[in-house]
Amino acid sequence: MVKHIVMWKISAPDKEQAAQKIKQMLESLNGKIPGLYKAEVGINITPGGYDVVLYSELEDQKALEGYQVHPEHLAVKEYITSVTCGRASADYLL
């Protein structure tokens, strides 16, 4: 299993609306991408730091690679890129 964690800083004027949309879009990927077991998004409640965090579980590294290029994910990524100004990520095997 691969755990895929990503955090973003939002640059959009309405951070709360953008964060909610990112959450909805990413969580809607559940059940649509082969090998994606879980996509869960949290919105930071503590001031400062990153605004939105994705926690996801994928079958294996091959599933992660497929997720990265899947059309549904690419559409979400396009929106996220348009409303964010910073990103950090980590992937690890379990």
N, C-alpha and C. Protein backbone atom coordinates (compact mmCIF):
# COMPACT_ATOMS: atom_id res chain seq x y z
N MET A 1 0.85 -1.17 0.00
CA MET A 1 0.00 0.00 0.00
C MET A 1 0.89 1.24 0.00
N VAL A 2 0.44 2.28 -0.70
CA VAL A 2 1.13 3.57 -0.73
C VAL A 2 0.23 4.61 -0.09
N LYS A 3 0.82 5.40 0.79
CA LYS A 3 0.12 6.55 1.37
C LYS A 3 0.62 7.78 0.61
N HIS A 4 -0.30 8.61 0.15
CA HIS A 4 0.01 9.80 -0.65
C HIS A 4 -0.58 10.99 0.10
N ILE A 5 0.31 11.88 0.58
CA ILE A 5 -0.10 13.03 1.37
C ILE A 5 0.30 14.30 0.62
N VAL A 6 -0.64 15.23 0.47
CA VAL A 6 -0.35 16.50 -0.20
C VAL A 6 -0.98 17.62 0.62
N MET A 7 -0.26 18.74 0.71
CA MET A 7 -0.76 19.92 1.42
C MET A 7 -0.63 21.13 0.49
N TRP A 8 -1.62 22.02 0.55
CA TRP A 8 -1.62 23.22 -0.30
C TRP A 8 -1.88 24.47 0.52
N LYS A 9 -1.29 25.57 0.06
CA LYS A 9 -1.64 26.91 0.54
C LYS A 9 -2.54 27.53 -0.51
N ILE A 10 -3.65 28.07 -0.09
CA ILE A 10 -4.61 28.66 -1.02
C ILE A 10 -4.31 30.14 -1.20
N SER A 11 -4.35 30.56 -2.47
CA SER A 11 -4.11 31.98 -2.79
C SER A 11 -5.37 32.68 -3.28
N ALA A 12 -6.45 31.94 -3.45
CA ALA A 12 -7.71 32.52 -3.93
C ALA A 12 -8.26 33.51 -2.90
N PRO A 13 -8.96 34.55 -3.36
CA PRO A 13 -9.53 35.54 -2.43
C PRO A 13 -10.47 34.92 -1.39
N ASP A 14 -11.30 33.99 -1.80
CA ASP A 14 -12.21 33.32 -0.87
C ASP A 14 -11.63 31.95 -0.53
N LYS A 15 -10.73 31.92 0.47
CA LYS A 15 -10.03 30.69 0.83
C LYS A 15 -10.99 29.59 1.25
N GLU A 16 -12.00 29.94 2.02
CA GLU A 16 -12.92 28.91 2.53
C GLU A 16 -13.67 28.23 1.38
N GLN A 17 -14.15 29.02 0.44
CA GLN A 17 -14.87 28.46 -0.71
C GLN A 17 -13.94 27.58 -1.54
N ALA A 18 -12.71 28.04 -1.79
CA ALA A 18 -11.75 27.26 -2.56
C ALA A 18 -11.41 25.96 -1.84
N ALA A 19 -11.21 26.03 -0.52
CA ALA A 19 -10.89 24.83 0.26
C ALA A 19 -12.02 23.81 0.18
N GLN A 20 -13.26 24.27 0.31
CA GLN A 20 -14.41 23.36 0.23
C GLN A 20 -14.51 22.72 -1.15
N LYS A 21 -14.23 23.50 -2.19
CA LYS A 21 -14.30 22.95 -3.55
C LYS A 21 -13.20 21.91 -3.77
N ILE A 22 -11.99 22.20 -3.28
CA ILE A 22 -10.90 21.22 -3.38
C ILE A 22 -11.30 19.93 -2.67
N LYS A 23 -11.84 20.06 -1.47
CA LYS A 23 -12.28 18.89 -0.69
C LYS A 23 -13.31 18.07 -1.48
N GLN A 24 -14.32 18.75 -1.99
CA GLN A 24 -15.38 18.05 -2.73
C GLN A 24 -14.82 17.36 -3.97
N MET A 25 -13.99 18.07 -4.71
CA MET A 25 -13.45 17.51 -5.96
C MET A 25 -12.56 16.30 -5.70
N LEU A 26 -11.65 16.41 -4.74
CA LEU A 26 -10.75 15.29 -4.46
C LEU A 26 -11.50 14.09 -3.89
N GLU A 27 -12.41 14.33 -2.96
CA GLU A 27 -13.14 13.22 -2.38
C GLU A 27 -14.09 12.56 -3.38
N SER A 28 -14.47 13.30 -4.42
CA SER A 28 -15.32 12.71 -5.46
C SER A 28 -14.55 11.70 -6.32
N LEU A 29 -13.23 11.65 -6.19
CA LEU A 29 -12.43 10.68 -6.94
C LEU A 29 -12.55 9.28 -6.36
N ASN A 30 -13.03 9.17 -5.12
CA ASN A 30 -13.23 7.85 -4.52
C ASN A 30 -14.14 7.00 -5.41
N GLY A 31 -13.69 5.79 -5.72
CA GLY A 31 -14.48 4.88 -6.54
C GLY A 31 -14.35 5.11 -8.04
N LYS A 32 -13.60 6.13 -8.46
CA LYS A 32 -13.47 6.43 -9.89
C LYS A 32 -12.12 6.06 -10.47
N ILE A 33 -11.12 5.91 -9.64
CA ILE A 33 -9.76 5.66 -10.13
C ILE A 33 -9.29 4.30 -9.64
N PRO A 34 -8.90 3.43 -10.56
CA PRO A 34 -8.43 2.10 -10.16
C PRO A 34 -7.26 2.17 -9.18
N GLY A 35 -7.34 1.39 -8.12
CA GLY A 35 -6.27 1.33 -7.14
C GLY A 35 -6.31 2.40 -6.08
N LEU A 36 -7.22 3.37 -6.20
CA LEU A 36 -7.37 4.40 -5.16
C LEU A 36 -8.36 3.88 -4.14
N TYR A 37 -7.86 3.54 -2.96
CA TYR A 37 -8.72 3.00 -1.91
C TYR A 37 -9.45 4.11 -1.15
N LYS A 38 -8.76 5.23 -0.96
CA LYS A 38 -9.33 6.27 -0.10
C LYS A 38 -8.71 7.61 -0.42
N ALA A 39 -9.55 8.64 -0.53
CA ALA A 39 -9.09 10.02 -0.64
C ALA A 39 -9.88 10.82 0.38
N GLU A 40 -9.17 11.37 1.35
CA GLU A 40 -9.79 12.13 2.43
C GLU A 40 -9.12 13.50 2.49
N VAL A 41 -9.92 14.55 2.60
CA VAL A 41 -9.37 15.91 2.62
C VAL A 41 -9.77 16.61 3.90
N GLY A 42 -8.78 17.25 4.51
CA GLY A 42 -9.03 18.04 5.71
C GLY A 42 -8.69 19.50 5.46
N ILE A 43 -9.45 20.37 6.09
CA ILE A 43 -9.22 21.81 5.99
C ILE A 43 -8.65 22.26 7.33
N ASN A 44 -7.50 22.90 7.27
CA ASN A 44 -6.78 23.30 8.48
C ASN A 44 -7.61 24.27 9.32
N ILE A 45 -7.72 23.97 10.61
CA ILE A 45 -8.47 24.84 11.52
C ILE A 45 -7.55 25.72 12.37
N THR A 46 -6.23 25.54 12.18
CA THR A 46 -5.25 26.33 12.92
C THR A 46 -4.67 27.39 11.99
N PRO A 47 -4.64 28.65 12.41
CA PRO A 47 -4.09 29.70 11.55
C PRO A 47 -2.63 29.44 11.19
N GLY A 48 -2.27 29.82 9.97
CA GLY A 48 -0.91 29.61 9.49
C GLY A 48 -0.73 28.24 8.89
N GLY A 49 0.38 28.02 8.26
CA GLY A 49 0.64 26.72 7.67
C GLY A 49 -0.16 26.49 6.41
N TYR A 50 -0.28 25.25 6.04
CA TYR A 50 -1.03 24.88 4.84
C TYR A 50 -2.52 24.90 5.13
N ASP A 51 -3.30 25.15 4.09
CA ASP A 51 -4.75 25.32 4.26
C ASP A 51 -5.54 24.03 4.08
N VAL A 52 -5.08 23.16 3.17
CA VAL A 52 -5.82 21.95 2.82
C VAL A 52 -4.84 20.78 2.77
N VAL A 53 -5.28 19.61 3.27
CA VAL A 53 -4.44 18.42 3.27
C VAL A 53 -5.21 17.25 2.66
N LEU A 54 -4.55 16.56 1.72
CA LEU A 54 -5.09 15.32 1.16
C LEU A 54 -4.37 14.15 1.79
N TYR A 55 -5.13 13.21 2.31
CA TYR A 55 -4.59 11.94 2.79
C TYR A 55 -5.22 10.87 1.89
N SER A 56 -4.38 10.10 1.20
CA SER A 56 -4.94 9.07 0.34
C SER A 56 -4.17 7.77 0.46
N GLU A 57 -4.88 6.69 0.18
CA GLU A 57 -4.30 5.35 0.21
C GLU A 57 -4.52 4.72 -1.15
N LEU A 58 -3.44 4.18 -1.70
CA LEU A 58 -3.50 3.54 -3.01
C LEU A 58 -2.92 2.13 -2.91
N GLU A 59 -3.35 1.28 -3.82
CA GLU A 59 -2.98 -0.13 -3.80
C GLU A 59 -1.46 -0.33 -3.78
N ASP A 60 -0.76 0.36 -4.68
CA ASP A 60 0.69 0.21 -4.79
C ASP A 60 1.26 1.38 -5.59
N GLN A 61 2.56 1.33 -5.87
CA GLN A 61 3.19 2.43 -6.58
C GLN A 61 2.65 2.57 -8.00
N LYS A 62 2.34 1.45 -8.63
CA LYS A 62 1.76 1.49 -9.97
C LYS A 62 0.40 2.21 -9.95
N ALA A 63 -0.40 1.97 -8.93
CA ALA A 63 -1.69 2.66 -8.79
C ALA A 63 -1.49 4.16 -8.60
N LEU A 64 -0.45 4.54 -7.84
CA LEU A 64 -0.15 5.96 -7.65
C LEU A 64 0.22 6.61 -8.99
N GLU A 65 1.02 5.92 -9.77
CA GLU A 65 1.41 6.44 -11.09
C GLU A 65 0.18 6.59 -11.99
N GLY A 66 -0.73 5.64 -11.94
CA GLY A 66 -1.96 5.72 -12.73
C GLY A 66 -2.86 6.85 -12.26
N TYR A 67 -2.92 7.05 -10.96
CA TYR A 67 -3.70 8.14 -10.38
C TYR A 67 -3.19 9.49 -10.88
N GLN A 68 -1.88 9.64 -10.92
CA GLN A 68 -1.28 10.92 -11.32
C GLN A 68 -1.67 11.35 -12.73
N VAL A 69 -1.91 10.40 -13.62
CA VAL A 69 -2.21 10.74 -15.02
C VAL A 69 -3.67 10.47 -15.40
N HIS A 70 -4.47 10.04 -14.44
CA HIS A 70 -5.88 9.75 -14.73
C HIS A 70 -6.61 11.05 -15.08
N PRO A 71 -7.44 11.06 -16.12
CA PRO A 71 -8.15 12.28 -16.53
C PRO A 71 -8.97 12.94 -15.42
N GLU A 72 -9.62 12.16 -14.57
CA GLU A 72 -10.40 12.73 -13.47
C GLU A 72 -9.49 13.49 -12.50
N HIS A 73 -8.32 12.91 -12.21
CA HIS A 73 -7.37 13.58 -11.32
C HIS A 73 -6.79 14.82 -11.98
N LEU A 74 -6.48 14.74 -13.26
CA LEU A 74 -5.91 15.90 -13.96
C LEU A 74 -6.87 17.08 -13.96
N ALA A 75 -8.16 16.83 -14.07
CA ALA A 75 -9.15 17.91 -14.02
C ALA A 75 -9.16 18.58 -12.65
N VAL A 76 -9.07 17.78 -11.60
CA VAL A 76 -9.03 18.33 -10.24
C VAL A 76 -7.73 19.11 -10.05
N LYS A 77 -6.63 18.55 -10.52
CA LYS A 77 -5.32 19.19 -10.39
C LYS A 77 -5.32 20.57 -11.06
N GLU A 78 -5.98 20.68 -12.20
CA GLU A 78 -6.04 21.96 -12.91
C GLU A 78 -6.71 23.03 -12.05
N TYR A 79 -7.82 22.68 -11.41
CA TYR A 79 -8.48 23.64 -10.53
C TYR A 79 -7.57 23.99 -9.34
N ILE A 80 -7.01 22.98 -8.70
CA ILE A 80 -6.18 23.22 -7.52
C ILE A 80 -5.02 24.15 -7.86
N THR A 81 -4.38 23.91 -8.98
CA THR A 81 -3.27 24.76 -9.40
C THR A 81 -3.70 26.21 -9.58
N SER A 82 -4.93 26.41 -10.00
CA SER A 82 -5.42 27.77 -10.25
C SER A 82 -5.72 28.56 -8.98
N VAL A 83 -5.86 27.88 -7.84
CA VAL A 83 -6.23 28.59 -6.60
C VAL A 83 -5.21 28.43 -5.47
N THR A 84 -4.05 27.84 -5.78
CA THR A 84 -3.04 27.63 -4.74
C THR A 84 -1.72 28.29 -5.11
N CYS A 85 -0.89 28.50 -4.08
CA CYS A 85 0.41 29.12 -4.29
C CYS A 85 1.55 28.33 -3.64
N GLY A 86 1.23 27.24 -3.01
CA GLY A 86 2.27 26.43 -2.39
C GLY A 86 1.79 25.00 -2.22
N ARG A 87 2.74 24.06 -2.31
CA ARG A 87 2.39 22.65 -2.24
C ARG A 87 3.55 21.88 -1.63
N ALA A 88 3.21 20.90 -0.81
CA ALA A 88 4.19 19.95 -0.27
C ALA A 88 3.56 18.57 -0.35
N SER A 89 4.39 17.56 -0.61
CA SER A 89 3.83 16.21 -0.71
C SER A 89 4.82 15.17 -0.21
N ALA A 90 4.29 14.01 0.12
CA ALA A 90 5.10 12.86 0.51
C ALA A 90 4.35 11.60 0.13
N ASP A 91 5.09 10.62 -0.33
CA ASP A 91 4.54 9.31 -0.65
C ASP A 91 5.38 8.29 0.09
N TYR A 92 4.73 7.31 0.72
CA TYR A 92 5.51 6.28 1.39
C TYR A 92 4.79 4.94 1.31
N LEU A 93 5.60 3.88 1.33
CA LEU A 93 5.07 2.52 1.29
C LEU A 93 4.74 2.06 2.70
N LEU A 94 3.70 1.30 2.80
CA LEU A 94 3.30 0.75 4.09
C LEU A 94 3.51 -0.73 4.08
